Protein backbone atom coordinates (compact mmCIF):
# COMPACT_ATOMS: atom_id res chain seq x y z
CA MET A 1 -10.63 7.61 -12.66
CA THR A 2 -7.10 9.67 -13.38
CA GLY A 3 -3.85 8.44 -12.14
CA LEU A 4 -0.85 10.29 -11.90
CA VAL A 5 3.18 9.01 -12.68
CA PHE A 6 5.27 10.66 -11.95
CA SER A 7 9.13 10.81 -12.33
CA VAL A 8 10.58 12.73 -9.45
CA PRO A 9 10.21 15.54 -8.88
CA SER A 10 7.56 15.84 -11.94
CA VAL A 11 4.72 14.72 -14.14
CA SER A 12 5.44 12.21 -17.34
CA HIS A 13 2.64 10.76 -18.26
CA GLN A 14 -1.03 10.28 -17.24
CA ASP A 15 -3.98 7.48 -18.01
CA LEU A 16 -7.62 7.17 -17.19
CA ALA A 17 -7.12 3.54 -15.80
CA HIS A 18 -11.01 3.18 -14.32
CA GLU A 19 -14.14 4.66 -14.09
CA ALA A 20 -14.79 4.76 -10.95
CA ASP A 21 -12.86 6.28 -7.70
CA ILE A 22 -9.36 4.40 -7.99
CA PHE A 23 -8.51 3.43 -4.00
CA SER A 24 -5.12 1.07 -4.73
CA ILE A 25 -2.13 0.80 -6.71
CA ALA A 26 0.48 -1.27 -6.53
CA VAL A 27 2.75 -1.91 -8.81
CA THR A 28 4.93 -5.24 -9.82
CA PRO A 29 8.08 -4.99 -11.81
CA ASN A 30 6.24 -5.49 -15.81
CA GLN A 31 2.96 -4.46 -14.61
CA ILE A 32 0.84 -1.73 -12.16
CA VAL A 33 -2.81 -3.21 -11.04
CA SER A 34 -5.65 -0.63 -9.68
CA ALA A 35 -8.84 -1.54 -7.65
CA SER A 36 -11.71 0.90 -7.17
CA GLY A 37 -14.99 1.05 -5.53
CA ALA A 38 -16.71 -1.91 -8.85
CA SER A 39 -15.30 -5.92 -8.20
CA THR A 40 -12.69 -5.89 -11.45
CA LEU A 41 -8.57 -5.83 -10.79
CA ILE A 42 -6.74 -4.13 -13.65
CA PHE A 43 -3.69 -5.14 -14.38
CA HIS A 44 -2.09 -2.58 -16.49
CA SER A 45 1.98 -3.92 -19.06
CA THR A 46 4.37 -1.51 -18.02
CA THR A 47 6.73 -3.30 -20.81
CA GLU A 48 4.36 -1.15 -23.14
CA PRO A 49 4.59 2.58 -24.50
CA GLU A 50 1.10 2.92 -24.31
CA PHE A 51 0.24 0.35 -20.95
CA PRO A 52 -2.42 -1.66 -22.98
CA VAL A 53 -4.50 -4.16 -20.33
CA ALA A 54 -2.41 -7.77 -19.79
CA GLN A 55 -5.76 -8.57 -17.28
CA THR A 56 -8.30 -8.21 -14.99
CA LEU A 57 -9.99 -10.15 -12.49
CA ASP A 58 -13.90 -9.93 -12.83
CA GLY A 59 -15.93 -10.07 -9.59
CA ALA A 60 -12.83 -10.10 -7.06
CA HIS A 61 -14.19 -8.16 -4.41
CA LYS A 62 -17.69 -8.49 -4.78
CA LEU A 63 -17.72 -4.63 -2.67
CA GLY A 64 -15.37 -3.23 -3.87
CA CYS A 65 -11.53 -3.17 -3.06
CA HIS A 66 -9.59 -0.66 -1.10
CA HIS A 67 -6.54 -1.16 -0.86
CA LEU A 68 -3.55 -3.71 -3.06
CA ALA A 69 -0.07 -4.29 -1.46
CA ALA A 70 2.47 -5.93 -3.67
CA SER A 71 5.84 -7.83 -3.35
CA GLU A 72 8.97 -7.51 -3.48
CA ASN A 73 9.82 -9.23 -6.16
CA GLY A 74 6.28 -9.13 -7.60
CA GLU A 75 5.50 -12.36 -6.97
CA VAL A 76 2.16 -11.37 -4.67
CA ILE A 77 -0.46 -8.85 -5.08
CA ALA A 78 -2.72 -9.00 -2.09
CA SER A 79 -6.53 -6.65 -1.74
CA ALA A 80 -8.40 -5.86 0.43
CA GLY A 81 -12.02 -5.82 0.16
CA PHE A 82 -15.43 -4.09 1.37
CA ALA A 83 -16.39 -7.21 3.18
CA GLY A 84 -13.09 -7.82 5.38
CA GLU A 85 -12.01 -10.48 3.32
CA VAL A 86 -8.00 -9.74 2.20
CA LEU A 87 -7.36 -12.03 -1.34
CA LEU A 88 -3.49 -13.71 -2.05
CA TRP A 89 -2.64 -13.57 -6.25
CA ARG A 90 0.32 -15.62 -7.69
CA GLN A 91 1.09 -14.71 -10.73
CA ASP A 92 2.04 -18.51 -13.64
CA ASN A 93 2.18 -18.32 -16.53
CA ASP A 94 2.55 -14.62 -16.77
CA ARG A 95 -1.40 -15.45 -15.54
CA TRP A 96 -2.37 -14.13 -11.61
CA THR A 97 -4.39 -17.00 -9.88
CA GLU A 98 -5.84 -16.83 -6.39
CA MET A 99 -3.39 -18.54 -3.79
CA GLY A 100 -5.42 -18.06 -0.71
CA LYS A 101 -7.46 -16.19 1.47
CA ILE A 102 -7.43 -14.39 5.14
CA LEU A 103 -10.85 -14.53 6.57
CA ASP A 104 -9.40 -14.87 10.86
CA GLY A 105 -12.53 -14.29 11.75
CA ASN A 106 -12.96 -10.51 9.78
CA LYS A 107 -15.79 -7.70 10.28
CA ALA A 108 -16.16 -5.81 7.47
CA GLY A 109 -13.60 -2.95 8.04
CA GLU A 110 -11.63 -5.01 10.37
CA ILE A 111 -9.21 -4.66 8.18
CA TRP A 112 -7.56 -1.73 6.38
CA ALA A 113 -4.70 -0.25 5.18
CA ILE A 114 -2.03 -3.75 4.41
CA ALA A 115 1.64 -3.86 3.17
CA LEU A 116 3.34 -7.15 2.34
CA SER A 117 6.60 -8.21 2.75
CA SER A 118 9.81 -8.55 0.14
CA ASP A 119 9.31 -12.17 -0.51
CA GLY A 120 5.46 -11.93 0.14
CA HIS A 121 5.38 -14.52 2.34
CA TYR A 122 3.96 -12.53 5.60
CA LEU A 123 1.52 -9.54 5.56
CA ALA A 124 1.41 -6.43 8.20
CA ALA A 125 -2.01 -4.63 8.20
CA THR A 126 -3.71 -1.65 10.23
CA SER A 127 -7.21 -2.34 11.60
CA LEU A 128 -9.54 0.29 13.26
CA ASP A 129 -8.93 1.06 16.55
CA GLY A 130 -5.81 1.12 16.14
CA ARG A 131 -3.40 -2.30 16.15
CA ILE A 132 -1.61 -4.44 12.87
CA ASN A 133 -1.88 -8.35 12.85
CA VAL A 134 0.71 -10.15 11.24
CA TRP A 135 -0.44 -12.94 8.81
CA ASP A 136 1.63 -15.88 7.41
CA ASN A 137 0.22 -16.17 4.13
CA LEU A 138 1.71 -19.48 3.45
CA GLY A 139 0.15 -22.54 4.70
CA ASP A 140 -3.59 -21.81 6.50
CA GLN A 141 -2.87 -18.05 6.35
CA THR A 142 -2.88 -17.89 10.21
CA LYS A 143 -2.53 -14.55 12.41
CA ILE A 144 1.02 -15.38 13.67
CA ARG A 145 1.15 -11.49 15.86
CA GLU A 146 -0.88 -8.89 16.76
CA TYR A 147 0.91 -5.33 18.23
CA GLU A 148 -0.28 -2.78 19.60
CA THR A 149 0.24 0.84 19.01
CA LYS A 150 -2.00 3.36 21.36
CA GLY A 151 -3.32 4.57 18.49
CA SER A 152 -6.23 5.43 16.28
CA PHE A 153 -7.43 4.21 12.83
CA GLY A 154 -4.71 3.44 10.72
CA MET A 155 -5.20 4.88 7.57
CA SER A 156 -2.56 3.35 5.76
CA ILE A 157 0.90 1.15 6.44
CA ASP A 158 4.57 0.42 4.10
CA LEU A 159 6.73 -2.55 5.72
CA VAL A 160 9.98 -1.64 4.35
CA SER A 161 12.58 -4.85 5.29
CA PRO A 162 11.43 -8.69 4.92
CA VAL A 163 10.00 -10.11 8.10
CA ILE A 164 11.81 -13.27 8.73
CA SER A 165 11.72 -15.23 11.63
CA ASN A 166 12.46 -12.30 14.43
CA LEU A 167 9.51 -10.35 12.15
CA VAL A 168 12.11 -7.23 12.22
CA ALA A 169 9.75 -4.82 10.27
CA GLN A 170 9.38 -0.92 9.67
CA LEU A 171 6.33 0.49 9.32
CA THR A 172 4.30 3.64 8.52
CA ILE A 173 1.12 4.15 9.77
CA PRO A 174 -0.95 8.02 10.21
CA GLN A 175 -2.36 8.06 14.01
CA SER A 176 -5.54 10.21 13.50
CA LEU A 177 -6.76 11.88 10.38
CA ASP A 178 -4.51 15.27 11.72
CA GLY A 179 -1.98 15.16 9.22
CA ARG A 180 0.24 13.10 11.66
CA PHE A 181 2.54 10.02 11.39
CA VAL A 182 4.73 7.77 12.96
CA ARG A 183 7.27 5.98 11.59
CA ALA A 184 7.82 2.48 13.97
CA SER A 185 10.11 0.07 14.54
CA CYS A 186 8.73 -3.36 15.19
CA TYR A 187 10.86 -6.48 16.33
CA GLU A 188 8.56 -9.63 18.22
CA LEU A 189 6.33 -7.50 20.92
CA ARG A 190 8.49 -4.09 20.78
CA LEU A 191 7.07 -1.23 18.93
CA GLY A 192 8.31 2.41 19.70
CA PRO A 193 7.75 5.61 17.43
CA ILE A 194 11.25 6.96 15.73
CA LEU A 195 9.68 9.57 13.57
CA THR A 196 6.95 12.01 13.79
CA SER A 197 5.50 14.75 11.34
CA THR A 198 2.91 16.86 10.46
CA GLY A 199 4.39 17.92 7.42
CA LEU A 200 0.59 17.94 5.70
CA ALA A 201 -1.93 19.12 7.49
CA LYS A 202 -4.40 16.33 6.49
CA ALA A 203 -5.54 14.10 6.80
CA VAL A 204 -2.35 11.10 5.73
CA ARG A 205 -4.60 8.01 3.50
CA ALA A 206 -1.21 7.11 1.74
CA VAL A 207 2.46 6.35 2.44
CA ALA A 208 5.85 4.67 0.55
CA PHE A 209 8.95 4.18 1.45
CA SER A 210 11.47 3.88 -1.94
CA PRO A 211 13.82 1.42 -2.70
CA GLY A 212 15.83 1.65 -0.19
CA SER A 213 14.14 3.38 2.23
CA LYS A 214 15.69 7.09 2.11
CA LEU A 215 12.23 9.17 1.24
CA LEU A 216 9.01 8.73 2.45
CA ALA A 217 6.21 9.49 0.24
CA ALA A 218 3.33 10.81 2.25
CA ALA A 219 0.43 12.29 0.89
CA GLY A 220 -3.65 12.67 1.81
CA ASP A 221 -6.70 15.12 1.50
CA ALA A 222 -3.87 17.46 0.99
CA LYS A 223 -4.11 17.00 -2.60
CA PHE A 224 -0.35 16.96 -2.74
CA ILE A 225 2.36 14.93 -1.89
CA GLY A 226 5.70 15.59 0.75
CA LEU A 227 8.58 13.54 -0.04
CA TYR A 228 10.44 12.93 3.34
CA ASP A 229 14.43 11.96 4.43
CA VAL A 230 13.63 9.09 5.74
CA SER A 231 16.87 10.23 8.53
CA SER A 232 15.87 13.52 9.39
CA GLY A 233 12.58 13.22 8.93
CA GLU A 234 13.12 16.65 7.35
CA GLN A 235 10.39 17.43 4.02
CA VAL A 236 12.75 17.49 1.88
CA ALA A 237 10.48 18.20 -1.55
CA ILE A 238 6.36 18.33 -2.64
CA LEU A 239 4.55 17.33 -5.84
CA SER A 240 2.08 18.43 -7.16
CA GLY A 241 -0.80 17.50 -9.96
CA HIS A 242 -3.97 16.32 -7.89
CA ALA A 243 -7.38 17.52 -8.52
CA ALA A 244 -8.41 15.67 -5.46
CA TRP A 245 -7.68 13.41 -2.06
CA ILE A 246 -5.05 11.08 -3.07
CA PHE A 247 -5.65 7.29 -2.03
CA SER A 248 -2.35 5.84 -3.33
CA LEU A 249 1.38 5.29 -3.69
CA ASP A 250 3.60 3.33 -4.49
CA TRP A 251 7.33 3.33 -6.23
CA SER A 252 8.56 1.84 -9.27
CA ASP A 253 11.66 -0.68 -7.67
CA THR A 254 14.27 1.79 -9.27
CA GLY A 255 13.05 5.04 -7.07
CA GLU A 256 13.45 6.22 -10.11
CA TYR A 257 9.25 7.45 -10.82
CA LEU A 258 6.34 7.67 -8.19
CA LEU A 259 2.83 6.24 -8.72
CA SER A 260 0.09 8.13 -7.55
CA GLY A 261 -4.02 7.85 -7.37
């Protein structure tokens, strides 16, 4: 499947990364990791012009991987598999190795979209019934918070503030399949929507805040990417180039590039 890298607002590179459909991508300061319906995770180096493969993790998820998330510091990656498991990976001597699993009695599909705090300490995930769960990735990977959004299936989530002791976070969760998404602020047990948009009309499958949280990128079945001003909620740009649904979005750490797949 083809992935696109946008130098906002134009296409600058195209790379054939997987033979099967790409379900998710994530970016670290020096690599791009991609996942598909196959069991392998593939890491491409971004420090060389041709984006060569730096590492492959064969058999990471037996039934395939549907979502990836990378911490802002680039030290932790989480991958969610179709069997309900989430694997945590840490880079050691330029090689990614498994640092833990989040099982927690999850059934297949129980955990869907995932996001990591900037330091990789916490993982937030949506569920099929509209809940947001938060886990502590250190120690025994236990669930520490559960939020009720009173919404439907959350297909995407992004976390832009470091989740520390008081669990302050900003989450963006598409509610249902009609193209509507809600930006919500979570503070301990309080949850309230502060921005709603219907700009994409069709199902939203990926959302991502830019570094500094000035822009929100959203994409899905409409086959284009909408860029929104976070402070006003206004759509400020449309990025085209895809011929099919868009499942994943991620910004470079400078905000100069937006990766979509």
